[in-house]
Amino acid sequence: MGRASAIDDHDLLDRLTEVFRCHGYAGASLTVLSQAAGLQRASLYHRFPEGKPAMAAAVLNHAERMFTAILEPLTTAQHPADGVAEMAQRIGAFYRDGRRGCLLDTMTLDGAPDDIRVRATAVARRWMHGMAAAAMRSGASQDEAERRAHAALVNIEGALVVARVLDDPTEFDNTLAWLPQLLTATPSSAAPNRGDDR
């Protein structure tokens, strides 16, 4: 019983999140989860009697709370560009400047239960909606705002892959720095989607 409370809930969720982030749902074996948590399986089941599905759900709850904080500046900042810049800074911290993989990506890989995939997708859509709202506050039409938000997500996720593959965060940093221009520039001066450059 004492072993089950040897690690606080926040630290435990951080550790489990890293396992799902690195291995996806299917690859996150109970052995790996137990080792990462620093708990025996019995103690891990003490926290999560329903096993891995409950752990994944708790990790997504944790991620949803974190994304709520990350996206908050998009709606509270007085100037949309300032809100996007603050969101970008928080995204950089969340992904450790591009050195972490995307949990939303790995939670939608083959092998994840449908409800887990649906929830991860919902967080990504919420992220896009928040960015689109910032673009609309800057004067973009709804269609243009949605296009910009989609381009922003594509570029962020692509830059994450490049940062990890090349072990170089430069492209990720550049992408985050570019987000205020992409999302909030006036329609006549908005930069094209870098992902569409040929």
Protein backbone atom coordinates (compact mmCIF):
# COMPACT_ATOMS: atom_id res chain seq x y z
CA MET A 1 0.00 0.00 0.00
CA GLY A 2 2.79 2.40 0.91
CA ARG A 3 4.56 1.67 -2.38
CA ALA A 4 1.50 2.80 -4.29
CA SER A 5 1.77 6.30 -2.81
CA ALA A 6 5.55 6.63 -3.21
CA ILE A 7 5.10 8.88 -6.25
CA ASP A 8 2.62 11.74 -6.48
CA ASP A 9 -0.08 11.74 -9.13
CA HIS A 10 1.40 14.55 -11.25
CA ASP A 11 4.84 12.94 -11.42
CA LEU A 12 3.29 9.57 -12.17
CA LEU A 13 1.26 11.01 -15.05
CA ASP A 14 4.35 12.75 -16.44
CA ARG A 15 6.21 9.43 -16.45
CA LEU A 16 3.33 7.50 -18.01
CA THR A 17 2.87 10.25 -20.59
CA GLU A 18 6.47 9.82 -21.72
CA VAL A 19 5.92 6.10 -22.24
CA PHE A 20 2.83 6.62 -24.39
CA ARG A 21 4.55 9.49 -26.19
CA CYS A 22 7.56 7.32 -27.07
CA HIS A 23 5.89 3.95 -27.63
CA GLY A 24 2.29 4.66 -28.54
CA TYR A 25 -0.57 2.73 -26.98
CA ALA A 26 0.26 -0.69 -28.40
CA GLY A 27 3.96 -0.41 -27.54
CA ALA A 28 3.38 0.77 -23.99
CA SER A 29 3.61 -2.61 -22.28
CA LEU A 30 2.79 -2.97 -18.62
CA THR A 31 6.43 -3.84 -18.01
CA VAL A 32 7.61 -0.59 -19.60
CA LEU A 33 4.91 1.43 -17.85
CA SER A 34 5.81 -0.11 -14.50
CA GLN A 35 9.52 0.54 -14.97
CA ALA A 36 8.94 4.12 -16.01
CA ALA A 37 6.65 4.74 -13.05
CA GLY A 38 9.11 3.18 -10.63
CA LEU A 39 6.29 1.02 -9.29
CA GLN A 40 5.65 -2.68 -9.20
CA ARG A 41 2.76 -3.84 -11.33
CA ALA A 42 0.62 -4.42 -8.25
CA SER A 43 1.18 -0.84 -7.15
CA LEU A 44 0.42 0.46 -10.63
CA TYR A 45 -2.83 -1.51 -10.65
CA HIS A 46 -3.56 -0.04 -7.23
CA ARG A 47 -3.62 3.38 -8.92
CA PHE A 48 -5.30 2.13 -12.11
CA PRO A 49 -7.45 -0.96 -11.37
CA GLU A 50 -8.64 -1.10 -15.00
CA GLY A 51 -5.08 -1.36 -16.30
CA LYS A 52 -3.58 0.20 -19.38
CA PRO A 53 -6.83 1.66 -20.80
CA ALA A 54 -7.29 3.62 -17.58
CA MET A 55 -3.66 4.78 -17.69
CA ALA A 56 -4.07 5.99 -21.27
CA ALA A 57 -7.29 7.79 -20.35
CA ALA A 58 -5.55 9.47 -17.40
CA VAL A 59 -2.67 10.51 -19.64
CA LEU A 60 -5.12 12.08 -22.10
CA ASN A 61 -6.90 13.86 -19.24
CA HIS A 62 -3.49 15.21 -18.25
CA ALA A 63 -2.75 16.26 -21.84
CA GLU A 64 -6.14 17.95 -22.17
CA ARG A 65 -5.45 20.02 -19.05
CA MET A 66 -2.02 20.97 -20.35
CA PHE A 67 -3.42 21.98 -23.74
CA THR A 68 -6.08 24.08 -22.02
CA ALA A 69 -3.24 26.08 -20.44
CA ILE A 70 -1.24 26.14 -23.69
CA LEU A 71 -4.16 27.47 -25.74
CA GLU A 72 -5.45 29.91 -23.13
CA PRO A 73 -3.53 32.95 -24.52
CA LEU A 74 -5.29 32.57 -27.88
CA THR A 75 -8.51 33.80 -26.31
CA THR A 76 -7.29 36.00 -23.45
CA ALA A 77 -4.50 38.09 -24.99
CA GLN A 78 -5.56 41.58 -26.00
CA HIS A 79 -3.76 41.31 -29.33
CA PRO A 80 -4.07 38.04 -31.31
CA ALA A 81 -0.39 38.06 -32.37
CA ASP A 82 0.68 38.29 -28.72
CA GLY A 83 -1.59 35.38 -27.87
CA VAL A 84 -0.15 33.27 -30.67
CA ALA A 85 3.40 34.13 -29.61
CA GLU A 86 2.65 33.08 -26.03
CA MET A 87 0.99 29.87 -27.22
CA ALA A 88 4.07 29.14 -29.33
CA GLN A 89 6.32 29.64 -26.32
CA ARG A 90 4.21 27.20 -24.29
CA ILE A 91 4.22 24.69 -27.15
CA GLY A 92 8.01 24.94 -27.24
CA ALA A 93 8.19 24.15 -23.53
CA PHE A 94 5.69 21.29 -23.85
CA TYR A 95 7.76 19.66 -26.59
CA ARG A 96 11.09 20.59 -25.00
CA ASP A 97 12.08 22.66 -28.02
CA GLY A 98 11.31 19.83 -30.42
CA ARG A 99 13.03 17.05 -28.49
CA ARG A 100 9.79 15.30 -27.53
CA GLY A 101 7.53 13.41 -29.88
CA CYS A 102 3.85 14.28 -30.21
CA LEU A 103 1.58 12.41 -27.80
CA LEU A 104 -1.45 13.15 -29.98
CA ASP A 105 0.32 11.41 -32.86
CA THR A 106 1.37 8.30 -30.98
CA MET A 107 -2.04 7.95 -29.32
CA THR A 108 -3.67 7.62 -32.74
CA LEU A 109 -1.35 4.89 -34.08
CA ASP A 110 -2.71 1.47 -34.96
CA GLY A 111 -3.46 -0.56 -31.87
CA ALA A 112 -4.94 2.26 -29.80
CA PRO A 113 -8.56 1.74 -28.70
CA ASP A 114 -11.10 3.76 -30.66
CA ASP A 115 -12.06 5.91 -27.68
CA ILE A 116 -8.41 6.87 -27.09
CA ARG A 117 -7.92 7.74 -30.76
CA VAL A 118 -11.09 9.82 -30.80
CA ARG A 119 -10.02 11.79 -27.72
CA ALA A 120 -6.53 12.45 -29.08
CA THR A 121 -8.02 13.63 -32.37
CA ALA A 122 -10.41 15.90 -30.46
CA VAL A 123 -7.49 17.61 -28.71
CA ALA A 124 -5.81 18.24 -32.08
CA ARG A 125 -9.03 19.66 -33.51
CA ARG A 126 -9.43 21.87 -30.47
CA TRP A 127 -5.89 23.13 -31.06
CA MET A 128 -6.73 23.97 -34.67
CA HIS A 129 -9.99 25.67 -33.66
CA GLY A 130 -8.11 27.85 -31.18
CA MET A 131 -5.58 28.91 -33.80
CA ALA A 132 -8.34 29.56 -36.33
CA ALA A 133 -10.14 31.77 -33.81
CA ALA A 134 -6.97 33.83 -33.38
CA ALA A 135 -6.70 34.21 -37.14
CA MET A 136 -10.33 35.36 -37.36
CA ARG A 137 -9.72 37.91 -34.61
CA SER A 138 -6.99 39.28 -36.87
CA GLY A 139 -9.39 39.77 -39.76
CA ALA A 140 -9.18 36.50 -41.68
CA SER A 141 -12.36 34.97 -43.05
CA GLN A 142 -13.48 31.68 -41.54
CA ASP A 143 -12.21 29.68 -44.53
CA GLU A 144 -8.87 31.49 -44.52
CA ALA A 145 -8.55 31.12 -40.74
CA GLU A 146 -9.17 27.39 -40.96
CA ARG A 147 -6.60 27.09 -43.76
CA ARG A 148 -4.02 28.93 -41.69
CA ALA A 149 -4.72 26.84 -38.59
CA HIS A 150 -4.37 23.64 -40.62
CA ALA A 151 -1.10 24.90 -42.10
CA ALA A 152 0.16 25.80 -38.63
CA LEU A 153 -0.52 22.32 -37.28
CA VAL A 154 1.06 20.66 -40.33
CA ASN A 155 4.20 22.75 -39.94
CA ILE A 156 4.46 22.23 -36.18
CA GLU A 157 4.12 18.46 -36.49
CA GLY A 158 6.52 18.31 -39.44
CA ALA A 159 9.08 20.43 -37.61
CA LEU A 160 8.84 18.09 -34.62
CA VAL A 161 9.78 15.15 -36.84
CA VAL A 162 12.68 17.05 -38.40
CA ALA A 163 13.95 18.18 -35.00
CA ARG A 164 14.04 14.63 -33.66
CA VAL A 165 15.37 12.96 -36.80
CA LEU A 166 18.22 15.46 -37.23
CA ASP A 167 18.65 16.07 -33.50
CA ASP A 168 18.46 19.77 -34.31
CA PRO A 169 15.68 22.01 -32.91
CA THR A 170 16.37 24.86 -35.35
CA GLU A 171 13.48 24.13 -37.72
CA PHE A 172 11.08 23.67 -34.81
CA ASP A 173 12.19 26.97 -33.26
CA ASN A 174 11.82 28.72 -36.62
CA THR A 175 8.34 27.29 -37.10
CA LEU A 176 7.18 28.50 -33.69
CA ALA A 177 8.63 31.96 -34.35
CA TRP A 178 6.73 32.07 -37.66
CA LEU A 179 3.32 31.23 -36.16
CA PRO A 180 2.23 34.80 -35.30
CA GLN A 181 2.88 35.87 -38.89
CA LEU A 182 1.12 32.83 -40.34
CA LEU A 183 -1.96 33.08 -38.15
CA THR A 184 -2.43 36.80 -37.62
CA ALA A 185 -0.98 38.68 -40.60
CA THR A 186 -3.52 40.68 -42.57
CA PRO A 187 -4.94 38.63 -45.46
CA SER A 188 -3.01 40.63 -48.07
CA SER A 189 0.34 40.12 -46.34
CA ALA A 190 -0.02 36.60 -44.94
CA ALA A 191 2.90 34.31 -45.71
CA PRO A 192 2.16 31.16 -47.73
CA ASN A 193 2.02 27.78 -46.07
CA ARG A 194 5.62 26.66 -45.81
CA GLY A 195 4.42 23.09 -46.13
CA ASP A 196 3.12 23.94 -49.59
CA ASP A 197 6.34 25.56 -50.82
CA ARG A 198 7.76 23.80 -53.84
